[in-house]
């Protein structure tokens, strides 16, 4: 799995999950529970991970959707 986004914004994460899921890309959102428990403070951001072999495609889709500024550098 490769981390492609790290953010405290649950709305963005939901939108990315929907976008990638609609394209058949599996998404894992890490730290969802700790982020919710800690009231979404920046110290515990949500992390969006995708399979490494689909990371380039996921990044392209996210850029096309206008969220390219949210992407983490490739691993």
C-alpha atoms as a PDB file:
ATOM      1  CA  UNK A   1       0.000   0.000   0.000  1.00  0.00           C
ATOM      2  CA  UNK A   2       1.168   3.506  -0.778  1.00  0.00           C
ATOM      3  CA  UNK A   3       0.081   6.655   1.044  1.00  0.00           C
ATOM      4  CA  UNK A   4      -1.171   9.226  -1.445  1.00  0.00           C
ATOM      5  CA  UNK A   5      -2.923  11.783   0.790  1.00  0.00           C
ATOM      6  CA  UNK A   6      -2.550  12.878   4.429  1.00  0.00           C
ATOM      7  CA  UNK A   7      -5.130  15.378   5.673  1.00  0.00           C
ATOM      8  CA  UNK A   8      -7.335  16.215   8.653  1.00  0.00           C
ATOM      9  CA  UNK A   9     -10.228  16.911   6.233  1.00  0.00           C
ATOM     10  CA  UNK A  10     -12.802  14.074   6.380  1.00  0.00           C
ATOM     11  CA  UNK A  11     -14.824  15.605   3.530  1.00  0.00           C
ATOM     12  CA  UNK A  12     -11.847  15.436   1.165  1.00  0.00           C
ATOM     13  CA  UNK A  13     -11.129  11.866   2.243  1.00  0.00           C
ATOM     14  CA  UNK A  14     -14.741  10.859   1.574  1.00  0.00           C
ATOM     15  CA  UNK A  15     -14.650  12.466  -1.872  1.00  0.00           C
ATOM     16  CA  UNK A  16     -11.359  10.731  -2.738  1.00  0.00           C
ATOM     17  CA  UNK A  17     -12.734   7.395  -1.501  1.00  0.00           C
ATOM     18  CA  UNK A  18     -15.799   7.808  -3.725  1.00  0.00           C
ATOM     19  CA  UNK A  19     -13.741   8.865  -6.751  1.00  0.00           C
ATOM     20  CA  UNK A  20     -11.247   6.041  -6.509  1.00  0.00           C
ATOM     21  CA  UNK A  21     -13.839   3.453  -5.534  1.00  0.00           C
ATOM     22  CA  UNK A  22     -15.909   4.322  -8.611  1.00  0.00           C
ATOM     23  CA  UNK A  23     -12.805   3.605 -10.699  1.00  0.00           C
ATOM     24  CA  UNK A  24     -12.236   0.228  -9.043  1.00  0.00           C
ATOM     25  CA  UNK A  25      -9.253   1.287  -6.954  1.00  0.00           C
ATOM     26  CA  UNK A  26      -9.183  -0.153  -3.433  1.00  0.00           C
ATOM     27  CA  UNK A  27      -8.786   2.515  -0.748  1.00  0.00           C
ATOM     28  CA  UNK A  28      -7.690   2.152   2.860  1.00  0.00           C
ATOM     29  CA  UNK A  29      -8.184   5.117   5.173  1.00  0.00           C
ATOM     30  CA  UNK A  30      -5.716   4.786   8.023  1.00  0.00           C
ATOM     31  CA  UNK A  31      -6.089   6.503  11.390  1.00  0.00           C
ATOM     32  CA  UNK A  32      -9.819   7.178  10.891  1.00  0.00           C
ATOM     33  CA  UNK A  33     -10.691   6.108  14.437  1.00  0.00           C
ATOM     34  CA  UNK A  34      -7.909   7.936  16.274  1.00  0.00           C
ATOM     35  CA  UNK A  35      -8.644  11.045  14.234  1.00  0.00           C
ATOM     36  CA  UNK A  36     -12.317  10.903  15.225  1.00  0.00           C
ATOM     37  CA  UNK A  37     -11.517  10.247  18.893  1.00  0.00           C
ATOM     38  CA  UNK A  38      -9.069  13.146  19.027  1.00  0.00           C
ATOM     39  CA  UNK A  39     -11.531  15.555  17.370  1.00  0.00           C
ATOM     40  CA  UNK A  40      -9.585  15.705  14.099  1.00  0.00           C
ATOM     41  CA  UNK A  41      -6.627  17.621  15.460  1.00  0.00           C
ATOM     42  CA  UNK A  42      -3.777  18.021  12.996  1.00  0.00           C
ATOM     43  CA  UNK A  43      -1.560  15.684  15.045  1.00  0.00           C
ATOM     44  CA  UNK A  44      -3.698  12.741  13.837  1.00  0.00           C
ATOM     45  CA  UNK A  45      -4.478  13.282  10.151  1.00  0.00           C
ATOM     46  CA  UNK A  46      -6.340  10.770   8.020  1.00  0.00           C
ATOM     47  CA  UNK A  47      -4.142   8.874   5.576  1.00  0.00           C
ATOM     48  CA  UNK A  48      -5.416   7.595   2.234  1.00  0.00           C
ATOM     49  CA  UNK A  49      -3.578   4.517   0.964  1.00  0.00           C
ATOM     50  CA  UNK A  50      -3.980   2.601  -2.288  1.00  0.00           C
ATOM     51  CA  UNK A  51      -2.270  -0.511  -3.690  1.00  0.00           C
ATOM     52  CA  UNK A  52       1.203   0.435  -4.918  1.00  0.00           C
ATOM     53  CA  UNK A  53       0.482  -0.861  -8.403  1.00  0.00           C
ATOM     54  CA  UNK A  54      -2.493   1.515  -8.694  1.00  0.00           C
ATOM     55  CA  UNK A  55      -0.915   4.579  -7.075  1.00  0.00           C
ATOM     56  CA  UNK A  56       0.015   6.337 -10.339  1.00  0.00           C
ATOM     57  CA  UNK A  57      -3.505   5.915 -11.702  1.00  0.00           C
ATOM     58  CA  UNK A  58      -5.008   7.107  -8.405  1.00  0.00           C
ATOM     59  CA  UNK A  59      -2.775  10.197  -8.423  1.00  0.00           C
ATOM     60  CA  UNK A  60      -3.795  10.980 -12.013  1.00  0.00           C
ATOM     61  CA  UNK A  61      -7.502  10.724 -11.136  1.00  0.00           C
ATOM     62  CA  UNK A  62      -7.040  12.959  -8.090  1.00  0.00           C
ATOM     63  CA  UNK A  63      -5.195  15.579 -10.161  1.00  0.00           C
ATOM     64  CA  UNK A  64      -7.943  15.474 -12.797  1.00  0.00           C
ATOM     65  CA  UNK A  65     -10.524  16.039 -10.041  1.00  0.00           C
ATOM     66  CA  UNK A  66      -8.670  19.199  -8.964  1.00  0.00           C
ATOM     67  CA  UNK A  67      -7.174  17.900  -5.715  1.00  0.00           C
ATOM     68  CA  UNK A  68      -3.589  17.557  -6.910  1.00  0.00           C
ATOM     69  CA  UNK A  69      -2.301  19.938  -4.243  1.00  0.00           C
ATOM     70  CA  UNK A  70      -3.328  17.390  -1.597  1.00  0.00           C
ATOM     71  CA  UNK A  71      -1.133  14.585  -2.978  1.00  0.00           C
ATOM     72  CA  UNK A  72       1.892  13.292  -1.107  1.00  0.00           C
ATOM     73  CA  UNK A  73       5.121  12.860  -3.070  1.00  0.00           C
ATOM     74  CA  UNK A  74       5.496   9.397  -4.610  1.00  0.00           C
ATOM     75  CA  UNK A  75       7.308   6.871  -2.428  1.00  0.00           C
END
